[in-house]
N, C-alpha and C. Protein backbone atom coordinates (compact mmCIF):
# COMPACT_ATOMS: atom_id res chain seq x y z
N MET A 1 5.01 27.60 -4.26
CA MET A 1 4.13 26.63 -4.87
C MET A 1 2.73 27.21 -4.97
N ALA A 2 2.06 26.85 -6.02
CA ALA A 2 0.71 27.34 -6.25
C ALA A 2 -0.27 26.67 -5.28
N ALA A 3 -1.26 27.42 -4.85
CA ALA A 3 -2.28 26.87 -3.96
C ALA A 3 -3.44 26.37 -4.82
N PHE A 4 -4.08 25.31 -4.36
CA PHE A 4 -5.22 24.75 -5.07
C PHE A 4 -6.44 24.84 -4.17
N PRO A 5 -7.60 25.16 -4.73
CA PRO A 5 -8.80 25.32 -3.91
C PRO A 5 -9.29 23.97 -3.38
N PRO A 6 -9.94 23.97 -2.20
CA PRO A 6 -10.55 22.75 -1.70
C PRO A 6 -11.56 22.26 -2.71
N PRO A 7 -11.88 20.98 -2.81
CA PRO A 7 -11.46 19.93 -1.91
C PRO A 7 -10.17 19.23 -2.33
N THR A 8 -9.34 19.87 -3.10
CA THR A 8 -8.09 19.26 -3.51
C THR A 8 -7.12 19.22 -2.34
N LEU A 9 -6.43 18.11 -2.18
CA LEU A 9 -5.44 17.93 -1.13
C LEU A 9 -4.06 18.00 -1.75
N ASN A 10 -3.19 18.80 -1.19
CA ASN A 10 -1.81 18.90 -1.66
C ASN A 10 -0.94 18.00 -0.80
N LEU A 11 -0.26 17.06 -1.41
CA LEU A 11 0.59 16.12 -0.68
C LEU A 11 2.01 16.15 -1.21
N VAL A 12 2.96 16.06 -0.30
CA VAL A 12 4.35 15.90 -0.67
C VAL A 12 4.74 14.49 -0.26
N ILE A 13 5.27 13.72 -1.18
CA ILE A 13 5.65 12.34 -0.91
C ILE A 13 7.07 12.33 -0.37
N GLU A 14 7.25 11.72 0.79
CA GLU A 14 8.56 11.65 1.43
C GLU A 14 9.09 10.22 1.37
N ASN A 15 10.39 10.06 1.63
CA ASN A 15 10.98 8.73 1.72
C ASN A 15 10.49 8.05 2.99
N PRO A 16 10.34 6.71 3.00
CA PRO A 16 10.67 5.78 1.94
C PRO A 16 9.56 5.57 0.91
N LEU A 17 8.39 6.21 1.11
CA LEU A 17 7.31 6.03 0.14
C LEU A 17 7.75 6.47 -1.25
N TRP A 18 8.54 7.54 -1.33
CA TRP A 18 9.02 7.98 -2.63
C TRP A 18 9.80 6.86 -3.31
N GLY A 19 10.60 6.13 -2.55
CA GLY A 19 11.36 5.01 -3.10
C GLY A 19 10.47 3.94 -3.67
N LEU A 20 9.35 3.67 -2.98
CA LEU A 20 8.39 2.68 -3.47
C LEU A 20 7.85 3.11 -4.83
N LEU A 21 7.41 4.36 -4.93
CA LEU A 21 6.86 4.84 -6.19
C LEU A 21 7.93 4.89 -7.27
N ALA A 22 9.12 5.37 -6.91
CA ALA A 22 10.19 5.48 -7.89
C ALA A 22 10.69 4.13 -8.37
N SER A 23 10.48 3.07 -7.58
CA SER A 23 10.92 1.74 -8.01
C SER A 23 10.20 1.31 -9.29
N CYS A 24 9.09 1.94 -9.59
CA CYS A 24 8.31 1.57 -10.78
C CYS A 24 8.43 2.59 -11.90
N ALA A 25 9.45 3.43 -11.85
CA ALA A 25 9.63 4.45 -12.88
C ALA A 25 10.77 4.10 -13.81
N TRP A 26 11.04 2.81 -13.98
CA TRP A 26 12.17 2.38 -14.80
C TRP A 26 12.10 2.90 -16.22
N HIS A 27 10.90 3.03 -16.77
CA HIS A 27 10.77 3.47 -18.16
C HIS A 27 10.95 4.98 -18.32
N THR A 28 11.16 5.69 -17.21
CA THR A 28 11.32 7.14 -17.30
C THR A 28 12.71 7.58 -16.83
N ARG A 29 13.60 6.62 -16.60
CA ARG A 29 14.94 6.98 -16.12
C ARG A 29 15.61 7.93 -17.09
N GLY A 30 16.38 8.85 -16.53
CA GLY A 30 17.08 9.82 -17.34
C GLY A 30 16.34 11.14 -17.47
N GLN A 31 15.05 11.16 -17.13
CA GLN A 31 14.29 12.40 -17.18
C GLN A 31 14.47 13.13 -15.85
N ARG A 32 14.54 14.43 -15.90
CA ARG A 32 14.75 15.21 -14.68
C ARG A 32 13.51 15.24 -13.79
N THR A 33 12.34 15.35 -14.38
CA THR A 33 11.11 15.29 -13.61
C THR A 33 10.21 14.25 -14.24
N VAL A 34 9.48 13.56 -13.41
CA VAL A 34 8.64 12.47 -13.88
C VAL A 34 7.24 12.68 -13.33
N PRO A 35 6.24 12.87 -14.19
CA PRO A 35 4.87 12.98 -13.69
C PRO A 35 4.48 11.69 -12.96
N LEU A 36 3.88 11.83 -11.79
CA LEU A 36 3.54 10.67 -10.98
C LEU A 36 2.70 9.66 -11.74
N GLU A 37 1.84 10.14 -12.61
CA GLU A 37 0.96 9.21 -13.34
C GLU A 37 1.73 8.31 -14.30
N LEU A 38 3.01 8.62 -14.58
CA LEU A 38 3.82 7.73 -15.42
C LEU A 38 4.41 6.57 -14.63
N PHE A 39 4.35 6.63 -13.31
CA PHE A 39 4.86 5.55 -12.48
C PHE A 39 3.83 4.42 -12.52
N GLN A 40 4.14 3.37 -13.23
CA GLN A 40 3.20 2.27 -13.37
C GLN A 40 3.50 1.19 -12.34
N PRO A 41 2.51 0.79 -11.55
CA PRO A 41 2.75 -0.20 -10.52
C PRO A 41 3.16 -1.54 -11.13
N ASP A 42 4.21 -2.10 -10.60
CA ASP A 42 4.75 -3.35 -11.11
C ASP A 42 5.31 -4.13 -9.92
N ALA A 43 4.66 -5.23 -9.56
CA ALA A 43 5.05 -5.99 -8.37
C ALA A 43 6.50 -6.44 -8.42
N GLU A 44 6.98 -6.81 -9.59
CA GLU A 44 8.36 -7.28 -9.70
C GLU A 44 9.35 -6.16 -9.37
N SER A 45 9.12 -4.96 -9.87
CA SER A 45 10.00 -3.83 -9.57
C SER A 45 9.91 -3.45 -8.09
N ILE A 46 8.70 -3.44 -7.55
CA ILE A 46 8.51 -3.11 -6.15
C ILE A 46 9.24 -4.14 -5.27
N HIS A 47 9.09 -5.41 -5.61
CA HIS A 47 9.75 -6.46 -4.84
C HIS A 47 11.27 -6.32 -4.91
N GLY A 48 11.80 -5.99 -6.08
CA GLY A 48 13.24 -5.78 -6.21
C GLY A 48 13.74 -4.68 -5.30
N TRP A 49 12.95 -3.63 -5.16
CA TRP A 49 13.31 -2.53 -4.27
C TRP A 49 13.18 -2.95 -2.81
N MET A 50 12.10 -3.68 -2.47
CA MET A 50 11.84 -4.04 -1.07
C MET A 50 12.80 -5.09 -0.52
N ARG A 51 13.30 -5.96 -1.37
CA ARG A 51 14.09 -7.08 -0.83
C ARG A 51 15.40 -6.64 -0.19
N VAL A 52 15.81 -5.40 -0.39
CA VAL A 52 17.03 -4.91 0.25
C VAL A 52 16.72 -4.06 1.49
N LEU A 53 15.45 -3.94 1.84
CA LEU A 53 15.05 -3.10 2.98
C LEU A 53 14.88 -3.94 4.24
N SER A 54 14.99 -3.29 5.37
CA SER A 54 14.70 -3.95 6.64
C SER A 54 13.18 -4.07 6.79
N ASP A 55 12.76 -4.97 7.68
CA ASP A 55 11.33 -5.10 7.95
C ASP A 55 10.75 -3.78 8.45
N GLY A 56 11.52 -3.05 9.25
CA GLY A 56 11.04 -1.77 9.78
C GLY A 56 10.80 -0.74 8.69
N THR A 57 11.70 -0.69 7.70
CA THR A 57 11.53 0.26 6.59
C THR A 57 10.34 -0.16 5.73
N ILE A 58 10.18 -1.45 5.51
CA ILE A 58 9.01 -1.93 4.75
C ILE A 58 7.74 -1.54 5.49
N SER A 59 7.72 -1.74 6.81
CA SER A 59 6.55 -1.39 7.60
C SER A 59 6.25 0.11 7.53
N THR A 60 7.28 0.94 7.63
CA THR A 60 7.10 2.39 7.53
C THR A 60 6.55 2.77 6.16
N THR A 61 7.09 2.16 5.13
CA THR A 61 6.62 2.43 3.76
C THR A 61 5.15 2.05 3.62
N LEU A 62 4.79 0.88 4.12
CA LEU A 62 3.40 0.43 4.01
C LEU A 62 2.47 1.34 4.81
N ARG A 63 2.93 1.81 5.96
CA ARG A 63 2.12 2.74 6.77
C ARG A 63 1.92 4.05 6.01
N GLN A 64 2.98 4.58 5.41
CA GLN A 64 2.86 5.82 4.63
C GLN A 64 1.94 5.62 3.44
N PHE A 65 2.04 4.46 2.79
CA PHE A 65 1.20 4.15 1.65
C PHE A 65 -0.27 4.10 2.08
N GLU A 66 -0.53 3.44 3.20
CA GLU A 66 -1.90 3.36 3.71
C GLU A 66 -2.45 4.75 4.05
N SER A 67 -1.62 5.59 4.67
CA SER A 67 -2.06 6.96 4.99
C SER A 67 -2.34 7.75 3.73
N LEU A 68 -1.49 7.58 2.71
CA LEU A 68 -1.70 8.24 1.42
C LEU A 68 -3.04 7.82 0.83
N LEU A 69 -3.33 6.52 0.84
CA LEU A 69 -4.60 6.03 0.29
C LEU A 69 -5.79 6.57 1.07
N ARG A 70 -5.65 6.64 2.39
CA ARG A 70 -6.74 7.17 3.22
C ARG A 70 -7.01 8.64 2.87
N ASP A 71 -5.93 9.43 2.73
CA ASP A 71 -6.10 10.84 2.39
C ASP A 71 -6.71 11.01 1.01
N ILE A 72 -6.28 10.19 0.07
CA ILE A 72 -6.84 10.26 -1.29
C ILE A 72 -8.33 9.94 -1.25
N HIS A 73 -8.70 8.90 -0.51
CA HIS A 73 -10.11 8.52 -0.42
C HIS A 73 -10.94 9.61 0.24
N ARG A 74 -10.43 10.20 1.30
CA ARG A 74 -11.16 11.27 2.00
C ARG A 74 -11.40 12.49 1.13
N HIS A 75 -10.51 12.71 0.18
CA HIS A 75 -10.65 13.86 -0.72
C HIS A 75 -11.18 13.45 -2.09
N ARG A 76 -11.81 12.29 -2.12
CA ARG A 76 -12.47 11.77 -3.32
C ARG A 76 -11.55 11.77 -4.54
N GLY A 77 -10.28 11.50 -4.30
CA GLY A 77 -9.34 11.38 -5.40
C GLY A 77 -8.78 12.69 -5.90
N ARG A 78 -9.28 13.82 -5.42
CA ARG A 78 -8.80 15.13 -5.88
C ARG A 78 -7.55 15.50 -5.09
N VAL A 79 -6.43 15.03 -5.56
CA VAL A 79 -5.16 15.22 -4.87
C VAL A 79 -4.13 15.76 -5.84
N VAL A 80 -3.30 16.65 -5.35
CA VAL A 80 -2.21 17.19 -6.13
C VAL A 80 -0.93 16.85 -5.39
N PHE A 81 0.03 16.25 -6.07
CA PHE A 81 1.29 15.85 -5.46
C PHE A 81 2.41 16.79 -5.86
N ALA A 82 3.37 16.95 -4.96
CA ALA A 82 4.59 17.68 -5.29
C ALA A 82 5.67 16.67 -5.63
N ASP A 83 6.44 16.93 -6.67
CA ASP A 83 7.58 16.07 -6.97
C ASP A 83 8.76 16.51 -6.11
N ILE A 84 9.89 15.87 -6.27
CA ILE A 84 11.05 16.15 -5.43
C ILE A 84 11.49 17.60 -5.55
N GLN A 85 11.30 18.22 -6.70
CA GLN A 85 11.69 19.61 -6.90
C GLN A 85 10.62 20.59 -6.39
N GLY A 86 9.52 20.07 -5.82
CA GLY A 86 8.49 20.94 -5.27
C GLY A 86 7.47 21.42 -6.29
N ARG A 87 7.48 20.86 -7.50
CA ARG A 87 6.48 21.25 -8.50
C ARG A 87 5.26 20.35 -8.35
N TRP A 88 4.10 20.94 -8.50
CA TRP A 88 2.86 20.20 -8.31
C TRP A 88 2.42 19.50 -9.58
N THR A 89 1.84 18.32 -9.41
CA THR A 89 1.22 17.63 -10.53
C THR A 89 -0.11 18.31 -10.82
N THR A 90 -0.71 17.96 -11.93
CA THR A 90 -2.03 18.49 -12.22
C THR A 90 -3.07 17.71 -11.41
N PRO A 91 -4.18 18.35 -11.04
CA PRO A 91 -5.21 17.60 -10.32
C PRO A 91 -5.65 16.40 -11.15
N HIS A 92 -5.86 15.30 -10.49
CA HIS A 92 -6.10 14.04 -11.17
C HIS A 92 -6.94 13.16 -10.25
N ASP A 93 -7.75 12.30 -10.80
CA ASP A 93 -8.48 11.35 -9.98
C ASP A 93 -7.56 10.17 -9.68
N TRP A 94 -7.03 10.13 -8.48
CA TRP A 94 -6.04 9.12 -8.12
C TRP A 94 -6.65 7.84 -7.56
N LEU A 95 -7.96 7.79 -7.31
CA LEU A 95 -8.55 6.59 -6.72
C LEU A 95 -8.34 5.37 -7.62
N ALA A 96 -8.66 5.50 -8.88
CA ALA A 96 -8.49 4.37 -9.80
C ALA A 96 -7.01 4.05 -9.99
N TYR A 97 -6.20 5.07 -10.10
CA TYR A 97 -4.76 4.88 -10.30
C TYR A 97 -4.15 4.06 -9.16
N PHE A 98 -4.50 4.40 -7.93
CA PHE A 98 -3.89 3.70 -6.79
C PHE A 98 -4.54 2.36 -6.49
N ALA A 99 -5.66 2.03 -7.11
CA ALA A 99 -6.22 0.69 -6.95
C ALA A 99 -5.23 -0.35 -7.48
N ASP A 100 -4.62 -0.07 -8.62
CA ASP A 100 -3.60 -0.97 -9.15
C ASP A 100 -2.38 -1.04 -8.24
N TRP A 101 -2.01 0.10 -7.68
CA TRP A 101 -0.86 0.13 -6.77
C TRP A 101 -1.11 -0.76 -5.56
N ARG A 102 -2.31 -0.71 -5.00
CA ARG A 102 -2.63 -1.54 -3.82
C ARG A 102 -2.39 -3.01 -4.12
N ARG A 103 -2.87 -3.48 -5.25
CA ARG A 103 -2.70 -4.88 -5.62
C ARG A 103 -1.23 -5.22 -5.82
N GLU A 104 -0.51 -4.39 -6.57
CA GLU A 104 0.88 -4.69 -6.89
C GLU A 104 1.79 -4.62 -5.66
N VAL A 105 1.51 -3.68 -4.75
CA VAL A 105 2.29 -3.60 -3.51
C VAL A 105 2.05 -4.86 -2.68
N ALA A 106 0.80 -5.30 -2.56
CA ALA A 106 0.50 -6.50 -1.78
C ALA A 106 1.18 -7.73 -2.37
N VAL A 107 1.17 -7.86 -3.68
CA VAL A 107 1.84 -9.00 -4.33
C VAL A 107 3.34 -8.93 -4.04
N ALA A 108 3.93 -7.75 -4.17
CA ALA A 108 5.38 -7.62 -3.92
C ALA A 108 5.72 -7.96 -2.48
N VAL A 109 4.96 -7.43 -1.53
CA VAL A 109 5.24 -7.69 -0.11
C VAL A 109 5.11 -9.18 0.18
N SER A 110 4.16 -9.85 -0.46
CA SER A 110 3.96 -11.27 -0.18
C SER A 110 5.17 -12.12 -0.60
N HIS A 111 6.03 -11.58 -1.45
CA HIS A 111 7.23 -12.30 -1.88
C HIS A 111 8.47 -11.93 -1.06
N VAL A 112 8.31 -11.02 -0.08
CA VAL A 112 9.40 -10.72 0.84
C VAL A 112 9.38 -11.83 1.89
N PRO A 113 10.50 -12.53 2.11
CA PRO A 113 10.50 -13.66 3.04
C PRO A 113 9.90 -13.30 4.41
N GLY A 114 8.97 -14.16 4.84
CA GLY A 114 8.35 -14.00 6.15
C GLY A 114 7.10 -13.15 6.18
N PHE A 115 6.81 -12.41 5.11
CA PHE A 115 5.64 -11.53 5.12
C PHE A 115 4.35 -12.22 4.70
N PHE A 116 4.43 -13.41 4.15
CA PHE A 116 3.21 -14.07 3.71
C PHE A 116 3.43 -15.57 3.63
N ASP A 117 2.43 -16.30 4.08
CA ASP A 117 2.43 -17.76 3.96
C ASP A 117 1.01 -18.15 3.55
N PRO A 118 0.84 -18.82 2.42
CA PRO A 118 -0.51 -19.20 1.99
C PRO A 118 -1.23 -20.08 3.01
N ASN A 119 -0.49 -20.73 3.90
CA ASN A 119 -1.12 -21.54 4.94
C ASN A 119 -1.89 -20.69 5.94
N TRP A 120 -1.63 -19.39 5.97
CA TRP A 120 -2.38 -18.50 6.85
C TRP A 120 -3.82 -18.30 6.37
N LEU A 121 -4.07 -18.60 5.11
CA LEU A 121 -5.40 -18.35 4.54
C LEU A 121 -6.36 -19.49 4.86
N THR A 122 -6.61 -19.65 6.14
CA THR A 122 -7.56 -20.66 6.61
C THR A 122 -8.98 -20.14 6.40
N GLU A 123 -9.94 -21.02 6.56
CA GLU A 123 -11.33 -20.61 6.39
C GLU A 123 -11.72 -19.46 7.32
N PRO A 124 -11.35 -19.51 8.63
CA PRO A 124 -11.69 -18.37 9.49
C PRO A 124 -11.02 -17.06 9.05
N VAL A 125 -9.77 -17.12 8.61
CA VAL A 125 -9.06 -15.91 8.17
C VAL A 125 -9.74 -15.33 6.93
N ILE A 126 -10.02 -16.18 5.97
CA ILE A 126 -10.67 -15.72 4.73
C ILE A 126 -12.05 -15.14 5.03
N GLY A 127 -12.82 -15.82 5.89
CA GLY A 127 -14.15 -15.32 6.24
C GLY A 127 -14.09 -13.96 6.92
N LEU A 128 -13.17 -13.81 7.87
CA LEU A 128 -13.02 -12.51 8.54
C LEU A 128 -12.56 -11.43 7.56
N ARG A 129 -11.57 -11.75 6.75
CA ARG A 129 -11.06 -10.78 5.76
C ARG A 129 -12.19 -10.32 4.84
N ASN A 130 -12.96 -11.27 4.31
CA ASN A 130 -14.05 -10.92 3.41
C ASN A 130 -15.10 -10.05 4.10
N GLY A 131 -15.44 -10.38 5.34
CA GLY A 131 -16.42 -9.59 6.08
C GLY A 131 -15.92 -8.17 6.34
N ILE A 132 -14.64 -8.05 6.67
CA ILE A 132 -14.05 -6.73 6.92
C ILE A 132 -14.10 -5.88 5.66
N VAL A 133 -13.75 -6.49 4.52
CA VAL A 133 -13.73 -5.74 3.26
C VAL A 133 -15.14 -5.36 2.83
N VAL A 134 -16.05 -6.31 2.80
CA VAL A 134 -17.40 -6.06 2.30
C VAL A 134 -18.16 -5.09 3.21
N GLU A 135 -18.03 -5.28 4.52
CA GLU A 135 -18.78 -4.46 5.47
C GLU A 135 -18.00 -3.24 5.95
N ARG A 136 -16.77 -3.07 5.45
CA ARG A 136 -15.90 -1.97 5.90
C ARG A 136 -15.81 -1.96 7.43
N ALA A 137 -15.68 -3.16 7.99
CA ALA A 137 -15.67 -3.35 9.44
C ALA A 137 -14.24 -3.44 9.95
N PHE A 138 -13.51 -2.35 9.83
CA PHE A 138 -12.10 -2.36 10.21
C PHE A 138 -11.89 -2.46 11.71
N ASP A 139 -12.97 -2.34 12.48
CA ASP A 139 -12.88 -2.56 13.91
C ASP A 139 -12.64 -4.04 14.24
N ARG A 140 -12.81 -4.93 13.25
CA ARG A 140 -12.59 -6.36 13.44
C ARG A 140 -11.14 -6.79 13.15
N LEU A 141 -10.28 -5.84 12.83
CA LEU A 141 -8.90 -6.21 12.50
C LEU A 141 -8.18 -6.93 13.65
N PRO A 142 -8.37 -6.56 14.92
CA PRO A 142 -7.73 -7.34 15.99
C PRO A 142 -8.20 -8.79 16.02
N ILE A 143 -9.46 -9.03 15.70
CA ILE A 143 -9.96 -10.41 15.63
C ILE A 143 -9.28 -11.15 14.48
N LEU A 144 -9.07 -10.45 13.35
CA LEU A 144 -8.35 -11.03 12.23
C LEU A 144 -6.92 -11.38 12.65
N ALA A 145 -6.29 -10.52 13.44
CA ALA A 145 -4.93 -10.80 13.93
C ALA A 145 -4.93 -12.08 14.76
N ASP A 146 -5.92 -12.25 15.61
CA ASP A 146 -6.00 -13.47 16.42
C ASP A 146 -6.16 -14.70 15.53
N ALA A 147 -7.01 -14.61 14.51
CA ALA A 147 -7.22 -15.73 13.60
C ALA A 147 -5.95 -16.05 12.82
N LEU A 148 -5.22 -15.00 12.40
CA LEU A 148 -3.95 -15.22 11.71
C LEU A 148 -2.94 -15.92 12.62
N GLU A 149 -2.90 -15.49 13.87
CA GLU A 149 -1.98 -16.11 14.82
C GLU A 149 -2.31 -17.59 15.01
N GLU A 150 -3.59 -17.89 15.10
CA GLU A 150 -4.02 -19.29 15.21
C GLU A 150 -3.68 -20.09 13.96
N ALA A 151 -3.60 -19.41 12.81
CA ALA A 151 -3.25 -20.08 11.55
C ALA A 151 -1.73 -20.22 11.38
N GLY A 152 -0.96 -19.70 12.34
CA GLY A 152 0.49 -19.86 12.28
C GLY A 152 1.27 -18.61 11.96
N CYS A 153 0.60 -17.48 11.75
CA CYS A 153 1.31 -16.24 11.48
C CYS A 153 1.96 -15.75 12.76
N ASP A 154 3.27 -15.52 12.68
CA ASP A 154 3.97 -14.97 13.84
C ASP A 154 4.76 -13.72 13.46
N HIS A 155 4.38 -13.11 12.33
CA HIS A 155 5.10 -11.92 11.89
C HIS A 155 4.68 -10.74 12.76
N PRO A 156 5.61 -10.20 13.56
CA PRO A 156 5.23 -9.16 14.53
C PRO A 156 4.68 -7.88 13.89
N LEU A 157 5.17 -7.50 12.71
CA LEU A 157 4.68 -6.26 12.09
C LEU A 157 3.24 -6.39 11.61
N ILE A 158 2.92 -7.53 11.03
CA ILE A 158 1.56 -7.75 10.54
C ILE A 158 0.58 -7.80 11.72
N LEU A 159 0.92 -8.61 12.73
CA LEU A 159 0.02 -8.76 13.88
C LEU A 159 -0.13 -7.44 14.63
N ALA A 160 0.97 -6.73 14.84
CA ALA A 160 0.89 -5.44 15.55
C ALA A 160 0.08 -4.43 14.76
N HIS A 161 0.26 -4.41 13.44
CA HIS A 161 -0.48 -3.46 12.61
C HIS A 161 -1.99 -3.71 12.71
N LEU A 162 -2.39 -4.97 12.68
CA LEU A 162 -3.82 -5.29 12.75
C LEU A 162 -4.41 -5.00 14.13
N ARG A 163 -3.57 -5.02 15.15
CA ARG A 163 -4.07 -4.83 16.52
C ARG A 163 -4.01 -3.38 17.00
N GLU A 164 -3.28 -2.53 16.30
CA GLU A 164 -3.13 -1.18 16.83
C GLU A 164 -4.37 -0.32 16.56
N PRO A 165 -4.64 0.61 17.47
CA PRO A 165 -5.79 1.50 17.29
C PRO A 165 -5.42 2.59 16.28
N TYR A 166 -5.63 2.31 15.05
CA TYR A 166 -5.21 3.16 13.94
C TYR A 166 -6.37 3.25 12.98
N ASP A 167 -6.52 4.35 12.31
CA ASP A 167 -7.62 4.53 11.35
C ASP A 167 -7.30 3.78 10.06
N HIS A 168 -7.76 2.54 9.98
CA HIS A 168 -7.53 1.72 8.79
C HIS A 168 -8.61 1.94 7.73
N ALA A 169 -9.51 2.84 7.98
CA ALA A 169 -10.68 3.01 7.12
C ALA A 169 -10.36 2.99 5.64
N HIS A 170 -11.01 2.12 4.94
CA HIS A 170 -10.99 1.97 3.48
C HIS A 170 -9.76 1.26 2.92
N HIS A 171 -8.63 1.34 3.60
CA HIS A 171 -7.44 0.72 3.05
C HIS A 171 -6.57 0.20 4.18
N CYS A 172 -6.14 -1.03 4.09
CA CYS A 172 -5.22 -1.60 5.07
C CYS A 172 -4.28 -2.53 4.31
N TRP A 173 -2.99 -2.24 4.39
CA TRP A 173 -2.03 -3.04 3.63
C TRP A 173 -2.04 -4.50 4.06
N ALA A 174 -2.32 -4.77 5.34
CA ALA A 174 -2.33 -6.17 5.79
C ALA A 174 -3.53 -6.92 5.20
N VAL A 175 -4.67 -6.26 5.10
CA VAL A 175 -5.84 -6.90 4.47
C VAL A 175 -5.57 -7.10 2.98
N ASP A 176 -4.96 -6.10 2.33
CA ASP A 176 -4.58 -6.26 0.92
C ASP A 176 -3.62 -7.44 0.75
N LEU A 177 -2.68 -7.59 1.70
CA LEU A 177 -1.73 -8.69 1.65
C LEU A 177 -2.46 -10.03 1.68
N LEU A 178 -3.48 -10.14 2.52
CA LEU A 178 -4.26 -11.39 2.62
C LEU A 178 -5.17 -11.58 1.42
N THR A 179 -5.47 -10.51 0.70
CA THR A 179 -6.32 -10.60 -0.49
C THR A 179 -5.52 -10.96 -1.73
N PHE A 180 -4.40 -10.29 -1.92
CA PHE A 180 -3.62 -10.43 -3.16
C PHE A 180 -2.33 -11.21 -2.99
N GLY A 181 -1.92 -11.47 -1.76
CA GLY A 181 -0.65 -12.12 -1.50
C GLY A 181 -0.51 -13.48 -2.15
N GLY A 182 0.70 -13.76 -2.56
CA GLY A 182 1.00 -15.05 -3.16
C GLY A 182 0.82 -15.12 -4.66
N ARG A 183 0.21 -14.10 -5.24
CA ARG A 183 0.09 -14.10 -6.70
C ARG A 183 1.48 -13.94 -7.31
N PRO A 184 1.68 -14.44 -8.51
CA PRO A 184 3.02 -14.36 -9.10
C PRO A 184 3.45 -12.92 -9.40
N LEU A 185 4.75 -12.71 -9.31
CA LEU A 185 5.33 -11.43 -9.73
C LEU A 185 5.24 -11.37 -11.25
N ALA A 186 5.01 -10.19 -11.79
CA ALA A 186 4.96 -9.86 -13.23
C ALA A 186 5.05 -11.06 -14.17
N GLY A 187 3.91 -11.59 -14.49
CA GLY A 187 3.82 -12.64 -15.49
C GLY A 187 4.43 -13.96 -15.09
N GLY A 188 4.84 -14.09 -13.80
CA GLY A 188 5.52 -15.30 -13.36
C GLY A 188 4.64 -16.46 -13.14
């Protein structure tokens, strides 16, 4: 594989994250290689893929997705991906591209039974979520977990994710879930 000069980051996408991305490549089926930029985020396709997965696999996928977003942000979007055959994509600004993915993934996850309840969006939860996003105060995520629990959330993966000492900087799938969750799937 060709080497790329810094500050470009070379990433290889592994399963189950590859499955998440591939779930949105319906319009490219039949092609041997598919440029990543042709994978268009679509909550309905993502949800169709997720609804057959275990909660643990969904959690792993979301963790990999969050790590991918963190790496992309740290390298200012200058990322080169390898496809399954080990060929690299062209350098591309992925920050804008993955902004749509964040929204569509959150919408899809919110339609997986048990992952989202609009009743969780109480005034304290919304206030904390907004403060965390605006102030980039990801150290407040455990407090958000407590507020969610008080609002009736008992989903162990969401609560554990918000409480764990993990670098959530700039992107957190659980915060995205509380921001975009409950919106209709593709035109619904």
